[in-house]
Amino acid sequence: MRTLDIKGVNGDSRILVGEKLERLGSYLPVQRPVVITDTTVEGLYGDKFPNCDLIKISTGEKIKNLDTVRYIYDQLVDHEADRSTFIVGIGGGIVCDIAGFVASTYMRGLRFGFVSSTLLAQVDASVGGKNGVNFHGYKNMIGTFNQPEFVICDMDLLKTLPKREVLCGLAEIAKHAFIGDASMCDYLERNFERALDLDEEAIGKLVYDSVVIKSGVVNMDEREKGERKKLNFGHTFGHAIEKTTDAFLHGEAISVGMVVASQLSVTKTLLLPSDFERIKELLVKLDLPTTLRADKDMMVDAIKKDKKRVGDDIDFVLLEGIGKAVIRKISVKELEEAVSDL
């Protein structure tokens, strides 16, 4: 097991890469926590949960909303949760986002931690202190910045993931390589087959290296005033794709978004065309999509509602080379043209 620490304004977070769900109890500050999980994870791993009050929610992006939050609040009241209660989210990104948001807002804030059961959650959603829900279909419109006290990344839990969920996690791993570590990109190119097969050594290294990049960025800029925006590489278009089509999961949409952002980087003479081709080829090797059919008007409307928009511009993440991300203001009009090209 390897650990990393994130220093947050409201508290610190320890990421435990390679720890096991079975040892969760040793990290809990109370005898009987409240566990929030989904029906799938509870069915697979419920026998490994500690003695706890259990709140189960459904699965899928459609339940990441205020109705689910209200349901959990009702359950917490029924369980007589108070300010000494500790919340544990056990599941993927949706469970972690919702559990973190609930813990951050119930009774003005409870302590909480996560056990990440998906590759995407281990390298992205559970790390960094962003918690939130969607609103009218727009991604993470309502949320908080608040760090979990711990995040357990148990590699054994990845073995039951559907292939598409593994690919979604690999998309975010590739993103971390593209924005912050050229050598990690080299490793992915050499070991993509091992990554796809969830080889324990390869996937453990990729998860750890991803968390190193993300935790380093969050330690510099917890509340996304500047440096942390680089973690949004591919996400402006990716979120618009998620909003306008049901055909793509999060990581798949981000993969297409990264291709568009890389193409814009070439257009602005920041990125070499050869590096653009290298990015596309790696995503193809990882069985990720690089193109899509989309409704232009719906895509543009979704981009206009992006959280990173300021006036007529959006803080957009481009690449100056593999491993080096930069933030530039790009007009909504220019992004509309990019949608047309897409």
Protein backbone atom coordinates (compact mmCIF):
# COMPACT_ATOMS: atom_id res chain seq x y z
CA MET A 1 0.00 0.00 0.00
CA ARG A 2 1.14 3.54 -0.81
CA THR A 3 -0.30 6.75 0.60
CA LEU A 4 -0.61 10.36 -0.54
CA ASP A 5 -1.81 13.38 1.41
CA ILE A 6 -3.91 16.32 0.28
CA LYS A 7 -3.89 19.48 2.40
CA GLY A 8 -7.32 21.10 2.31
CA VAL A 9 -8.63 24.37 3.72
CA ASN A 10 -11.16 22.51 5.88
CA GLY A 11 -9.03 19.45 6.62
CA ASP A 12 -6.60 16.96 5.16
CA SER A 13 -7.25 13.86 3.09
CA ARG A 14 -5.19 10.68 2.89
CA ILE A 15 -5.34 8.57 -0.27
CA LEU A 16 -4.60 4.88 0.39
CA VAL A 17 -3.69 3.15 -2.87
CA GLY A 18 -3.78 -0.62 -2.48
CA GLU A 19 -5.63 -0.73 0.86
CA LYS A 20 -8.49 -3.23 1.24
CA LEU A 21 -12.20 -2.74 1.90
CA GLU A 22 -11.94 -5.37 4.64
CA ARG A 23 -9.72 -3.01 6.65
CA LEU A 24 -12.14 -0.07 6.44
CA GLY A 25 -13.05 -0.43 10.12
CA SER A 26 -9.53 0.48 11.23
CA TYR A 27 -9.94 3.96 9.68
CA LEU A 28 -13.32 4.77 11.18
CA PRO A 29 -13.46 7.16 14.15
CA VAL A 30 -16.85 5.84 15.31
CA GLN A 31 -18.15 2.34 16.05
CA ARG A 32 -21.24 2.57 13.86
CA PRO A 33 -20.88 4.79 10.79
CA VAL A 34 -23.52 5.41 8.15
CA VAL A 35 -22.55 3.81 4.84
CA ILE A 36 -23.98 5.16 1.59
CA THR A 37 -23.66 2.74 -1.32
CA ASP A 38 -25.55 1.60 -4.39
CA THR A 39 -27.48 -1.59 -4.94
CA THR A 40 -24.83 -3.14 -7.20
CA VAL A 41 -21.90 -2.58 -4.84
CA GLU A 42 -23.91 -3.74 -1.82
CA GLY A 43 -24.81 -6.93 -3.67
CA LEU A 44 -21.19 -7.64 -4.56
CA TYR A 45 -19.38 -6.54 -1.42
CA GLY A 46 -21.95 -5.94 1.32
CA ASP A 47 -20.60 -8.88 3.32
CA LYS A 48 -17.31 -6.98 3.69
CA PHE A 49 -18.90 -3.79 5.07
CA PRO A 50 -18.28 -2.92 8.74
CA ASN A 51 -21.10 -2.91 11.28
CA CYS A 52 -23.10 0.11 10.10
CA ASP A 53 -26.37 1.79 9.29
CA LEU A 54 -26.81 1.35 5.54
CA ILE A 55 -28.39 3.68 2.98
CA LYS A 56 -28.75 2.21 -0.51
CA ILE A 57 -29.37 4.22 -3.65
CA SER A 58 -29.88 3.17 -7.25
CA THR A 59 -27.28 3.37 -10.02
CA GLY A 60 -26.62 5.57 -13.04
CA GLU A 61 -26.11 9.25 -13.77
CA LYS A 62 -29.87 9.81 -13.69
CA ILE A 63 -29.96 9.47 -9.88
CA LYS A 64 -27.21 12.05 -9.26
CA ASN A 65 -29.68 14.79 -8.32
CA LEU A 66 -31.36 16.60 -5.47
CA ASP A 67 -34.16 14.02 -5.24
CA THR A 68 -31.61 11.40 -4.22
CA VAL A 69 -30.04 13.85 -1.77
CA ARG A 70 -33.44 14.46 -0.20
CA TYR A 71 -34.00 10.71 0.13
CA ILE A 72 -30.67 10.30 1.93
CA TYR A 73 -31.44 13.23 4.26
CA ASP A 74 -34.71 11.48 5.18
CA GLN A 75 -32.82 8.25 5.86
CA LEU A 76 -30.26 10.05 8.04
CA VAL A 77 -33.08 11.52 10.10
CA ASP A 78 -34.60 8.04 10.47
CA HIS A 79 -31.22 6.70 11.59
CA GLU A 80 -31.00 9.55 14.12
CA ALA A 81 -27.71 10.75 12.62
CA ASP A 82 -26.17 13.64 14.53
CA ARG A 83 -23.02 15.75 14.33
CA SER A 84 -20.91 12.87 15.62
CA THR A 85 -21.98 10.63 12.73
CA PHE A 86 -19.32 9.59 10.22
CA ILE A 87 -20.42 9.04 6.61
CA VAL A 88 -18.70 6.49 4.34
CA GLY A 89 -19.39 6.41 0.61
CA ILE A 90 -18.63 2.96 -0.83
CA GLY A 91 -18.95 2.89 -4.59
CA GLY A 92 -18.05 4.65 -7.80
CA GLY A 93 -17.94 8.30 -8.69
CA ILE A 94 -21.68 8.89 -8.39
CA VAL A 95 -21.85 7.41 -4.90
CA CYS A 96 -18.76 9.35 -3.79
CA ASP A 97 -20.03 12.65 -5.25
CA ILE A 98 -23.44 12.26 -3.60
CA ALA A 99 -22.12 10.96 -0.27
CA GLY A 100 -19.58 13.79 -0.06
CA PHE A 101 -22.24 16.38 -0.85
CA VAL A 102 -24.67 14.95 1.70
CA ALA A 103 -21.98 14.79 4.39
CA SER A 104 -20.87 18.35 3.63
CA THR A 105 -24.38 19.79 3.97
CA TYR A 106 -26.26 17.67 6.54
CA MET A 107 -26.24 19.47 9.92
CA ARG A 108 -23.78 21.95 8.37
CA GLY A 109 -21.23 19.25 7.77
CA LEU A 110 -20.27 15.75 8.94
CA ARG A 111 -16.94 13.95 8.70
CA PHE A 112 -16.71 11.46 5.83
CA GLY A 113 -14.50 9.10 3.84
CA PHE A 114 -14.67 6.97 0.70
CA VAL A 115 -13.97 3.47 -0.55
CA SER A 116 -13.67 3.77 -4.34
CA SER A 117 -14.98 0.73 -6.19
CA THR A 118 -14.35 1.88 -9.78
CA LEU A 119 -11.20 2.87 -11.65
CA LEU A 120 -12.75 6.22 -12.58
CA ALA A 121 -13.49 7.04 -8.94
CA GLN A 122 -10.03 5.97 -7.79
CA VAL A 123 -8.22 8.31 -10.17
CA ASP A 124 -10.74 11.14 -10.32
CA ALA A 125 -14.09 11.46 -8.56
CA SER A 126 -13.08 10.46 -5.03
CA VAL A 127 -9.83 12.47 -5.01
CA GLY A 128 -9.64 16.23 -4.56
CA GLY A 129 -12.63 17.23 -2.47
CA LYS A 130 -15.20 18.10 -5.15
CA ASN A 131 -18.67 16.89 -4.15
CA GLY A 132 -21.89 17.59 -5.97
CA VAL A 133 -24.94 16.64 -7.98
CA ASN A 134 -26.37 17.46 -11.37
CA PHE A 135 -29.20 19.95 -11.89
CA HIS A 136 -31.59 19.66 -14.85
CA GLY A 137 -28.99 17.47 -16.54
CA TYR A 138 -26.10 19.92 -16.19
CA LYS A 139 -23.06 18.30 -14.63
CA ASN A 140 -22.23 19.09 -11.00
CA MET A 141 -24.08 22.41 -11.00
CA ILE A 142 -24.67 22.17 -7.23
CA GLY A 143 -21.81 21.19 -4.97
CA THR A 144 -19.12 21.87 -2.40
CA PHE A 145 -15.37 21.73 -1.91
CA ASN A 146 -14.73 19.50 1.11
CA GLN A 147 -12.09 16.82 1.60
CA PRO A 148 -12.85 13.23 2.63
CA GLU A 149 -10.68 12.19 5.58
CA PHE A 150 -9.53 9.12 3.65
CA VAL A 151 -9.98 7.44 0.29
CA ILE A 152 -9.37 3.69 0.07
CA CYS A 153 -8.47 2.53 -3.45
CA ASP A 154 -8.89 -1.25 -3.35
CA MET A 155 -7.58 -2.83 -6.57
CA ASP A 156 -9.55 -6.03 -5.92
CA LEU A 157 -12.82 -4.16 -6.40
CA LEU A 158 -11.92 -3.42 -10.02
CA LYS A 159 -12.17 -7.08 -10.99
CA THR A 160 -15.98 -7.03 -11.15
CA LEU A 161 -16.22 -3.89 -13.30
CA PRO A 162 -17.81 -4.05 -16.77
CA LYS A 163 -15.25 -3.35 -19.50
CA ARG A 164 -16.75 0.05 -20.39
CA GLU A 165 -16.31 1.19 -16.79
CA VAL A 166 -12.65 0.16 -16.90
CA LEU A 167 -12.22 2.14 -20.12
CA CYS A 168 -13.75 5.21 -18.49
CA GLY A 169 -11.11 5.07 -15.80
CA LEU A 170 -8.37 4.63 -18.38
CA ALA A 171 -9.59 7.80 -20.12
CA GLU A 172 -8.97 9.82 -16.96
CA ILE A 173 -5.61 8.11 -16.47
CA ALA A 174 -4.67 9.12 -20.04
CA LYS A 175 -5.84 12.66 -19.25
CA HIS A 176 -3.47 12.89 -16.31
CA ALA A 177 -0.62 11.73 -18.54
CA PHE A 178 -1.50 14.25 -21.27
CA ILE A 179 -1.64 17.21 -18.89
CA GLY A 180 1.12 16.41 -16.46
CA ASP A 181 3.51 13.54 -17.17
CA ALA A 182 4.96 12.64 -20.57
CA SER A 183 6.72 9.59 -19.10
CA MET A 184 3.35 8.27 -17.91
CA CYS A 185 2.14 8.56 -21.50
CA ASP A 186 5.18 6.53 -22.60
CA TYR A 187 4.33 3.87 -20.00
CA LEU A 188 0.70 3.71 -21.18
CA GLU A 189 1.79 3.28 -24.79
CA ARG A 190 4.07 0.38 -23.83
CA ASN A 191 1.64 -1.24 -21.39
CA PHE A 192 -1.85 -0.51 -22.71
CA GLU A 193 -2.66 -4.22 -23.03
CA ARG A 194 -1.69 -4.84 -19.40
CA ALA A 195 -3.81 -1.85 -18.37
CA LEU A 196 -6.81 -3.18 -20.29
CA ASP A 197 -6.35 -6.56 -18.60
CA LEU A 198 -6.15 -4.88 -15.15
CA ASP A 199 -2.72 -6.36 -14.55
CA GLU A 200 -2.18 -5.69 -10.84
CA GLU A 201 1.27 -4.17 -11.15
CA ALA A 202 0.44 -1.98 -14.16
CA ILE A 203 -2.94 -0.73 -12.94
CA GLY A 204 -1.58 -0.12 -9.43
CA LYS A 205 1.20 2.05 -10.87
CA LEU A 206 -1.20 3.97 -13.13
CA VAL A 207 -3.65 4.66 -10.30
CA TYR A 208 -0.85 5.83 -8.01
CA ASP A 209 0.76 8.02 -10.70
CA SER A 210 -2.62 9.57 -11.52
CA VAL A 211 -3.29 10.36 -7.87
CA VAL A 212 0.21 11.87 -7.59
CA ILE A 213 -0.63 14.29 -10.42
CA LYS A 214 -4.10 15.13 -9.15
CA SER A 215 -3.12 15.50 -5.50
CA GLY A 216 -0.21 17.73 -6.49
CA VAL A 217 -2.55 20.01 -8.42
CA VAL A 218 -5.17 20.07 -5.65
CA ASN A 219 -2.53 20.89 -3.03
CA MET A 220 -1.64 23.98 -5.10
CA ASP A 221 -5.21 25.02 -5.91
CA GLU A 222 -7.94 23.27 -3.93
CA ARG A 223 -10.81 25.53 -5.05
CA GLU A 224 -10.01 25.72 -8.76
CA LYS A 225 -8.87 29.33 -8.99
CA GLY A 226 -6.15 28.55 -11.51
CA GLU A 227 -3.91 25.47 -11.65
CA ARG A 228 -6.70 22.98 -10.86
CA LYS A 229 -8.56 24.02 -14.00
CA LYS A 230 -6.01 21.98 -15.95
CA LEU A 231 -7.74 18.85 -14.64
CA ASN A 232 -10.67 19.85 -16.87
CA PHE A 233 -8.78 18.94 -20.05
CA GLY A 234 -11.37 17.48 -22.43
CA HIS A 235 -14.23 18.22 -20.05
CA THR A 236 -15.85 21.26 -21.69
CA PHE A 237 -16.76 19.21 -24.76
CA GLY A 238 -17.04 16.03 -22.73
CA HIS A 239 -19.72 17.43 -20.44
CA ALA A 240 -21.57 18.85 -23.46
CA ILE A 241 -21.52 15.39 -25.04
CA GLU A 242 -22.89 13.83 -21.86
CA LYS A 243 -25.65 16.44 -21.74
CA THR A 244 -26.75 15.93 -25.34
CA THR A 245 -26.48 12.16 -25.84
CA ASP A 246 -27.18 9.03 -23.83
CA ALA A 247 -24.74 6.99 -25.89
CA PHE A 248 -21.55 7.90 -24.01
CA LEU A 249 -20.37 7.24 -20.48
CA HIS A 250 -18.31 9.93 -18.74
CA GLY A 251 -14.86 8.64 -19.68
CA GLU A 252 -15.93 7.99 -23.26
CA ALA A 253 -17.21 11.54 -23.61
CA ILE A 254 -14.00 12.92 -22.08
CA SER A 255 -11.99 10.90 -24.59
CA VAL A 256 -13.73 12.64 -27.49
CA GLY A 257 -13.40 15.96 -25.66
CA MET A 258 -9.65 15.47 -25.33
CA VAL A 259 -9.36 14.87 -29.08
CA VAL A 260 -11.21 18.13 -29.77
CA ALA A 261 -9.10 20.05 -27.26
CA SER A 262 -5.93 18.58 -28.77
CA GLN A 263 -7.06 19.55 -32.26
CA LEU A 264 -7.67 23.12 -31.03
CA SER A 265 -4.18 23.06 -29.53
CA VAL A 266 -2.78 22.22 -32.97
CA THR A 267 -4.89 24.95 -34.59
CA LYS A 268 -3.40 27.47 -32.18
CA THR A 269 0.12 26.16 -32.98
CA LEU A 270 0.67 25.03 -29.40
CA LEU A 271 0.75 21.28 -30.06
CA LEU A 272 2.67 19.48 -32.78
CA PRO A 273 0.47 17.56 -35.25
CA SER A 274 2.59 14.47 -34.51
CA ASP A 275 1.70 14.72 -30.80
CA PHE A 276 -1.97 15.09 -31.74
CA GLU A 277 -1.77 11.86 -33.73
CA ARG A 278 0.00 10.17 -30.83
CA ILE A 279 -2.81 11.19 -28.45
CA LYS A 280 -5.48 9.84 -30.79
CA GLU A 281 -3.59 6.59 -31.35
CA LEU A 282 -3.24 5.97 -27.61
CA LEU A 283 -6.96 6.54 -27.03
CA VAL A 284 -7.75 4.11 -29.87
CA LYS A 285 -5.41 1.52 -28.30
CA LEU A 286 -7.36 1.95 -25.06
CA ASP A 287 -10.61 1.14 -26.93
CA LEU A 288 -11.90 4.68 -26.38
CA PRO A 289 -13.92 6.72 -28.91
CA THR A 290 -12.33 9.67 -30.71
CA THR A 291 -15.31 10.86 -32.79
CA LEU A 292 -19.09 11.06 -32.49
CA ARG A 293 -22.27 12.15 -34.24
CA ALA A 294 -23.78 15.09 -32.35
CA ASP A 295 -26.53 17.70 -32.58
CA LYS A 296 -24.63 20.96 -33.12
CA ASP A 297 -27.24 23.28 -31.60
CA MET A 298 -27.65 21.16 -28.48
CA MET A 299 -23.88 20.92 -28.05
CA VAL A 300 -23.47 24.69 -28.34
CA ASP A 301 -26.27 25.29 -25.84
CA ALA A 302 -24.63 22.95 -23.35
CA ILE A 303 -21.22 24.62 -23.81
CA LYS A 304 -22.78 28.04 -23.16
CA LYS A 305 -23.91 26.78 -19.75
CA ASP A 306 -20.45 25.45 -18.82
CA LYS A 307 -19.45 26.37 -15.24
CA LYS A 308 -16.11 27.71 -16.50
CA ARG A 309 -17.75 30.35 -18.68
CA VAL A 310 -17.02 33.97 -17.83
CA GLY A 311 -18.93 36.37 -20.08
CA ASP A 312 -18.29 35.44 -23.70
CA ASP A 313 -15.22 33.34 -22.89
CA ILE A 314 -14.50 29.98 -21.33
CA ASP A 315 -11.31 29.05 -19.50
CA PHE A 316 -10.25 26.24 -21.81
CA VAL A 317 -7.46 23.71 -21.29
CA LEU A 318 -5.05 23.21 -24.19
CA LEU A 319 -1.75 21.37 -24.57
CA GLU A 320 1.64 22.88 -25.32
CA GLY A 321 2.98 19.35 -25.63
CA ILE A 322 2.29 15.96 -24.12
CA GLY A 323 2.60 16.41 -20.38
CA LYS A 324 2.15 20.19 -20.40
CA ALA A 325 -1.30 21.77 -20.12
CA VAL A 326 -2.08 25.49 -20.33
CA ILE A 327 -5.24 27.50 -19.73
CA ARG A 328 -6.42 29.98 -22.36
CA LYS A 329 -9.58 32.03 -22.67
CA ILE A 330 -11.45 30.92 -25.78
CA SER A 331 -14.59 32.59 -27.01
CA VAL A 332 -17.85 30.70 -27.13
CA LYS A 333 -17.99 31.58 -30.84
CA GLU A 334 -14.68 29.81 -31.47
CA LEU A 335 -15.93 26.77 -29.60
CA GLU A 336 -19.08 26.82 -31.73
CA GLU A 337 -16.83 26.56 -34.78
CA ALA A 338 -15.02 23.64 -33.17
CA VAL A 339 -18.38 21.91 -32.70
CA SER A 340 -19.06 22.37 -36.40
CA ASP A 341 -15.69 20.79 -37.23
CA LEU A 342 -16.45 17.93 -34.84
